[in-house]
Amino acid sequence: MCIRDSVEGKPVIDKEGKVIKLLGTAMDITIRKRAEEALQASEQRFKSLVQEGMDLIAIIDEDGNYKYVAPTKHRIEEMGRDVADFYGKSIYDILHPDYHDLLKNSIKSIGPHESVTVEPFRYMGKNGEWRWMESTITNLTQNPAINGYVANSRDVTERIERERKLRDILEHSTNLFYRHDINNVLTYVSPQSYTFLGCSPVEAKKRWTEFATDHPENESALKLTEKAIETGEPQPAYELQMKKEDGEKIWVRVNEAPVVE
């Protein structure tokens, strides 16, 4: 164990004015030094987390004015901005007007020490282009060290664009896209349900087996679905006879794969 000492002393001088020895005292300050080193390490870890983190961290007041913006390198660069761009400004200066009320209402709804995730909203990049951001805001107004709302934000422009492209594919395809849970309840149905099932996507959210007829071939189709759920592995495509809401019967070829988390 290393013991840190704080030493104080004074010289002992002879008649000729020469130093002949030193008198001193030593105090054990190990605990203090350990605390200082731990604090320094903690601050360094926090600085690294902030600078290299994936979120833009900021503190705003109840009116949306920036009080602090952490120098999160990756997110700042991704937004095409510098830390200095935020100071002296309000979040509403870069927020699209269509989303002002959304953010204001979200901030008002947060109780002390509570958090809320704000759905994606549009903000202006440094070059004037509109991008998408998602934020989680925590009310720390009663914490004297913060005295504001901490916003952890991330640019989700690429994700939103991917979702839009996928939605365009789903909505304009001639195929029906769907998702169902392990109980065969449809949790998502694309707009092609009007053609395939004779009902809206919302109306179609029930057990898909309710659309299946009692045709003998459907029994093997159900077994393949059950096996996919049990094994977590894709099964061969199968043909299924279905009945629309108006009673019309159609045949479909089904390709599906399980989603394993």
Protein backbone atom coordinates (compact mmCIF):
# COMPACT_ATOMS: atom_id res chain seq x y z
CA MET A 1 0.00 0.00 0.00
CA CYS A 2 1.31 3.40 -0.96
CA ILE A 3 1.02 6.10 1.73
CA ARG A 4 1.07 9.71 0.63
CA ASP A 5 2.61 12.18 3.08
CA SER A 6 2.23 15.90 3.46
CA VAL A 7 5.50 17.14 4.91
CA GLU A 8 6.17 20.40 6.71
CA GLY A 9 9.51 21.32 8.25
CA LYS A 10 12.12 23.91 9.02
CA PRO A 11 15.90 23.93 9.08
CA VAL A 12 18.04 23.93 12.27
CA ILE A 13 20.88 26.42 11.98
CA ASP A 14 24.14 26.45 14.02
CA LYS A 15 25.94 29.51 15.39
CA GLU A 16 27.62 30.13 12.08
CA GLY A 17 24.33 30.20 10.25
CA LYS A 18 24.77 26.84 8.58
CA VAL A 19 21.95 24.36 8.29
CA ILE A 20 22.88 21.29 10.30
CA LYS A 21 19.58 19.41 10.20
CA LEU A 22 15.89 19.64 9.40
CA LEU A 23 12.95 19.22 11.68
CA GLY A 24 9.66 18.24 10.16
CA THR A 25 6.28 16.58 10.56
CA ALA A 26 4.43 14.28 8.17
CA MET A 27 0.67 13.78 7.89
CA ASP A 28 -0.97 10.82 6.14
CA ILE A 29 -3.09 12.20 3.26
CA THR A 30 -3.63 8.90 1.45
CA ILE A 31 -7.42 9.09 1.66
CA ARG A 32 -7.48 12.62 0.24
CA LYS A 33 -5.12 11.72 -2.62
CA ARG A 34 -7.16 8.63 -3.46
CA ALA A 35 -10.32 10.74 -3.54
CA GLU A 36 -8.65 13.32 -5.80
CA GLU A 37 -7.39 10.61 -8.17
CA ALA A 38 -10.82 8.94 -8.23
CA LEU A 39 -12.46 12.26 -9.00
CA GLN A 40 -9.95 12.99 -11.76
CA ALA A 41 -10.53 9.54 -13.28
CA SER A 42 -14.29 9.99 -13.07
CA GLU A 43 -14.10 13.38 -14.76
CA GLN A 44 -11.90 11.93 -17.50
CA ARG A 45 -14.34 9.07 -18.08
CA PHE A 46 -17.25 11.50 -18.23
CA LYS A 47 -15.37 13.73 -20.67
CA SER A 48 -14.58 10.75 -22.89
CA LEU A 49 -18.18 9.54 -22.79
CA VAL A 50 -19.47 12.97 -23.72
CA GLN A 51 -16.95 13.66 -26.48
CA GLU A 52 -17.09 10.20 -28.01
CA GLY A 53 -20.74 9.46 -27.21
CA MET A 54 -23.43 8.90 -29.80
CA ASP A 55 -25.88 11.48 -28.42
CA LEU A 56 -25.84 15.26 -28.49
CA ILE A 57 -26.21 16.30 -24.84
CA ALA A 58 -27.57 19.74 -24.03
CA ILE A 59 -29.18 21.60 -21.15
CA ILE A 60 -32.04 23.96 -21.98
CA ASP A 61 -34.30 26.10 -19.82
CA GLU A 62 -38.10 25.95 -19.83
CA ASP A 63 -38.18 28.37 -22.77
CA GLY A 64 -35.87 26.20 -24.86
CA ASN A 65 -32.79 28.43 -24.52
CA TYR A 66 -29.47 26.57 -24.60
CA LYS A 67 -27.60 26.75 -21.29
CA TYR A 68 -24.96 24.15 -22.11
CA VAL A 69 -24.03 21.97 -25.08
CA ALA A 70 -21.58 19.13 -24.60
CA PRO A 71 -18.80 18.90 -27.21
CA THR A 72 -20.02 15.57 -28.56
CA LYS A 73 -17.73 15.34 -31.57
CA HIS A 74 -19.58 12.81 -33.70
CA ARG A 75 -23.06 14.25 -33.30
CA ILE A 76 -21.97 17.86 -33.70
CA GLU A 77 -20.18 16.97 -36.93
CA GLU A 78 -23.15 14.92 -38.12
CA MET A 79 -25.42 17.93 -37.64
CA GLY A 80 -22.98 20.09 -39.58
CA ARG A 81 -22.65 22.49 -36.67
CA ASP A 82 -20.18 23.70 -34.06
CA VAL A 83 -20.80 23.94 -30.32
CA ALA A 84 -20.62 27.74 -30.62
CA ASP A 85 -23.61 27.67 -32.98
CA PHE A 86 -25.93 26.82 -30.08
CA TYR A 87 -24.98 29.40 -27.47
CA GLY A 88 -27.19 32.45 -27.22
CA LYS A 89 -29.88 30.64 -29.17
CA SER A 90 -33.06 28.74 -28.50
CA ILE A 91 -33.81 25.24 -29.71
CA TYR A 92 -36.75 26.83 -31.53
CA ASP A 93 -34.30 28.74 -33.71
CA ILE A 94 -33.34 25.52 -35.48
CA LEU A 95 -36.61 23.61 -35.00
CA HIS A 96 -39.12 23.49 -37.87
CA PRO A 97 -42.18 25.65 -36.98
CA ASP A 98 -44.49 22.64 -37.40
CA TYR A 99 -42.89 21.04 -34.35
CA HIS A 100 -42.74 23.99 -31.93
CA ASP A 101 -45.97 23.05 -30.15
CA LEU A 102 -44.92 19.41 -29.96
CA LEU A 103 -41.72 20.26 -28.08
CA LYS A 104 -43.31 22.92 -25.88
CA ASN A 105 -46.07 20.54 -24.78
CA SER A 106 -43.54 17.77 -24.19
CA ILE A 107 -41.44 19.97 -21.91
CA LYS A 108 -44.49 21.14 -19.96
CA SER A 109 -45.61 17.56 -19.41
CA ILE A 110 -42.40 16.41 -17.72
CA GLY A 111 -42.50 16.29 -13.94
CA PRO A 112 -39.37 16.70 -11.78
CA HIS A 113 -36.83 13.93 -12.47
CA GLU A 114 -39.09 12.45 -15.15
CA SER A 115 -38.18 11.84 -18.80
CA VAL A 116 -40.07 11.81 -22.06
CA THR A 117 -38.99 10.70 -25.53
CA VAL A 118 -40.08 13.15 -28.20
CA GLU A 119 -41.07 11.63 -31.53
CA PRO A 120 -38.81 12.53 -34.47
CA PHE A 121 -38.97 16.20 -35.46
CA ARG A 122 -37.35 18.28 -38.17
CA TYR A 123 -34.50 20.70 -37.50
CA MET A 124 -32.35 22.87 -39.71
CA GLY A 125 -28.81 21.75 -40.49
CA LYS A 126 -26.00 24.28 -40.76
CA ASN A 127 -26.41 24.46 -44.54
CA GLY A 128 -30.12 25.17 -44.32
CA GLU A 129 -31.32 21.66 -45.13
CA TRP A 130 -34.07 20.07 -43.03
CA ARG A 131 -33.01 16.98 -41.11
CA TRP A 132 -34.66 14.71 -38.55
CA MET A 133 -33.85 14.45 -34.84
CA GLU A 134 -35.13 12.37 -31.93
CA SER A 135 -34.72 13.46 -28.29
CA THR A 136 -35.17 12.19 -24.77
CA ILE A 137 -35.69 15.09 -22.35
CA THR A 138 -35.25 14.82 -18.58
CA ASN A 139 -36.50 17.42 -16.11
CA LEU A 140 -33.63 18.23 -13.73
CA THR A 141 -34.78 21.75 -12.88
CA GLN A 142 -34.74 20.85 -9.19
CA ASN A 143 -31.15 19.68 -9.30
CA PRO A 144 -29.06 22.75 -8.34
CA ALA A 145 -26.09 21.51 -10.39
CA ILE A 146 -28.22 21.32 -13.56
CA ASN A 147 -31.22 23.63 -13.07
CA GLY A 148 -32.67 22.82 -16.47
CA TYR A 149 -33.84 20.15 -18.87
CA VAL A 150 -31.26 17.67 -20.14
CA ALA A 151 -31.85 16.73 -23.77
CA ASN A 152 -30.15 13.65 -25.22
CA SER A 153 -30.62 13.95 -28.97
CA ARG A 154 -29.54 12.05 -32.05
CA ASP A 155 -29.85 12.68 -35.76
CA VAL A 156 -32.18 10.03 -37.26
CA THR A 157 -32.36 11.40 -40.80
CA GLU A 158 -30.95 8.26 -42.40
CA ARG A 159 -33.35 6.04 -40.46
CA ILE A 160 -36.37 8.16 -41.42
CA GLU A 161 -35.33 8.10 -45.08
CA ARG A 162 -34.91 4.31 -45.01
CA GLU A 163 -38.35 3.94 -43.43
CA ARG A 164 -39.88 6.20 -46.07
CA LYS A 165 -38.34 4.19 -48.90
CA LEU A 166 -39.52 0.94 -47.34
CA ARG A 167 -43.01 2.38 -46.86
CA ASP A 168 -43.11 3.43 -50.52
CA ILE A 169 -42.16 -0.11 -51.54
CA LEU A 170 -44.79 -1.64 -49.27
CA GLU A 171 -47.56 0.72 -50.35
CA HIS A 172 -46.93 0.48 -54.09
CA SER A 173 -46.17 -3.23 -54.40
CA THR A 174 -48.70 -5.71 -55.78
CA ASN A 175 -47.83 -8.07 -52.91
CA LEU A 176 -49.31 -8.09 -49.43
CA PHE A 177 -46.84 -7.52 -46.58
CA TYR A 178 -47.66 -8.50 -43.04
CA ARG A 179 -46.30 -9.33 -39.60
CA HIS A 180 -47.89 -11.57 -37.00
CA ASP A 181 -46.99 -12.64 -33.47
CA ILE A 182 -46.53 -16.16 -32.14
CA ASN A 183 -50.29 -16.39 -31.60
CA ASN A 184 -50.84 -15.73 -35.32
CA VAL A 185 -52.36 -12.30 -34.62
CA LEU A 186 -51.54 -9.86 -37.42
CA THR A 187 -49.76 -6.81 -35.96
CA TYR A 188 -49.01 -5.12 -39.28
CA VAL A 189 -50.77 -5.39 -42.64
CA SER A 190 -49.90 -3.32 -45.73
CA PRO A 191 -52.56 -1.40 -47.70
CA GLN A 192 -52.85 -4.29 -50.16
CA SER A 193 -55.20 -5.85 -47.60
CA TYR A 194 -58.06 -4.22 -49.50
CA THR A 195 -57.21 -6.40 -52.50
CA PHE A 196 -56.20 -9.60 -50.73
CA LEU A 197 -58.54 -9.60 -47.74
CA GLY A 198 -61.30 -7.20 -48.70
CA CYS A 199 -60.78 -5.02 -45.62
CA SER A 200 -58.59 -2.23 -44.29
CA PRO A 201 -55.21 -2.85 -42.59
CA VAL A 202 -56.78 -1.98 -39.22
CA GLU A 203 -59.68 -4.38 -39.73
CA ALA A 204 -57.23 -7.10 -40.75
CA LYS A 205 -55.43 -7.06 -37.39
CA LYS A 206 -56.71 -10.34 -36.05
CA ARG A 207 -55.63 -14.00 -36.28
CA TRP A 208 -54.60 -14.65 -39.86
CA THR A 209 -56.10 -18.12 -39.55
CA GLU A 210 -59.52 -16.46 -39.59
CA PHE A 211 -58.88 -15.62 -43.25
CA ALA A 212 -57.86 -19.19 -44.06
CA THR A 213 -60.45 -21.62 -45.45
CA ASP A 214 -60.86 -25.24 -44.39
CA HIS A 215 -59.14 -26.46 -47.55
CA PRO A 216 -57.01 -29.59 -46.79
CA GLU A 217 -53.81 -27.95 -48.12
CA ASN A 218 -54.05 -25.22 -45.50
CA GLU A 219 -53.24 -27.72 -42.74
CA SER A 220 -49.67 -28.14 -43.98
CA ALA A 221 -49.30 -24.35 -44.25
CA LEU A 222 -50.23 -23.93 -40.58
CA LYS A 223 -47.71 -26.61 -39.59
CA LEU A 224 -44.94 -24.77 -41.44
CA THR A 225 -45.76 -21.55 -39.60
CA GLU A 226 -45.75 -23.37 -36.25
CA LYS A 227 -42.38 -24.94 -37.07
CA ALA A 228 -40.91 -21.54 -37.95
CA ILE A 229 -42.02 -20.20 -34.57
CA GLU A 230 -40.66 -23.24 -32.70
CA THR A 231 -37.27 -23.38 -34.44
CA GLY A 232 -36.71 -19.73 -35.33
CA GLU A 233 -35.74 -20.85 -38.83
CA PRO A 234 -37.33 -19.95 -42.19
CA GLN A 235 -39.53 -22.63 -43.74
CA PRO A 236 -40.30 -23.36 -47.41
CA ALA A 237 -42.86 -21.19 -49.19
CA TYR A 238 -46.38 -22.58 -49.17
CA GLU A 239 -49.70 -22.05 -50.91
CA LEU A 240 -52.73 -21.02 -48.92
CA GLN A 241 -56.38 -20.67 -49.77
CA MET A 242 -57.89 -17.57 -48.18
CA LYS A 243 -61.36 -16.10 -47.94
CA LYS A 244 -62.01 -12.37 -48.21
CA GLU A 245 -64.47 -10.57 -46.00
CA ASP A 246 -67.11 -10.82 -48.77
CA GLY A 247 -66.64 -14.58 -49.02
CA GLU A 248 -64.56 -14.65 -52.21
CA LYS A 249 -61.84 -17.30 -52.11
CA ILE A 250 -58.32 -16.71 -53.47
CA TRP A 251 -55.03 -18.61 -53.53
CA VAL A 252 -51.80 -17.00 -52.37
CA ARG A 253 -48.17 -18.11 -52.24
CA VAL A 254 -46.63 -17.24 -48.89
CA ASN A 255 -42.99 -16.59 -48.03
CA GLU A 256 -42.29 -15.75 -44.41
CA ALA A 257 -39.37 -15.81 -42.02
CA PRO A 258 -39.28 -15.60 -38.21
CA VAL A 259 -37.82 -12.58 -36.44
CA VAL A 260 -35.49 -13.73 -33.66
CA GLU A 261 -34.50 -11.22 -30.97
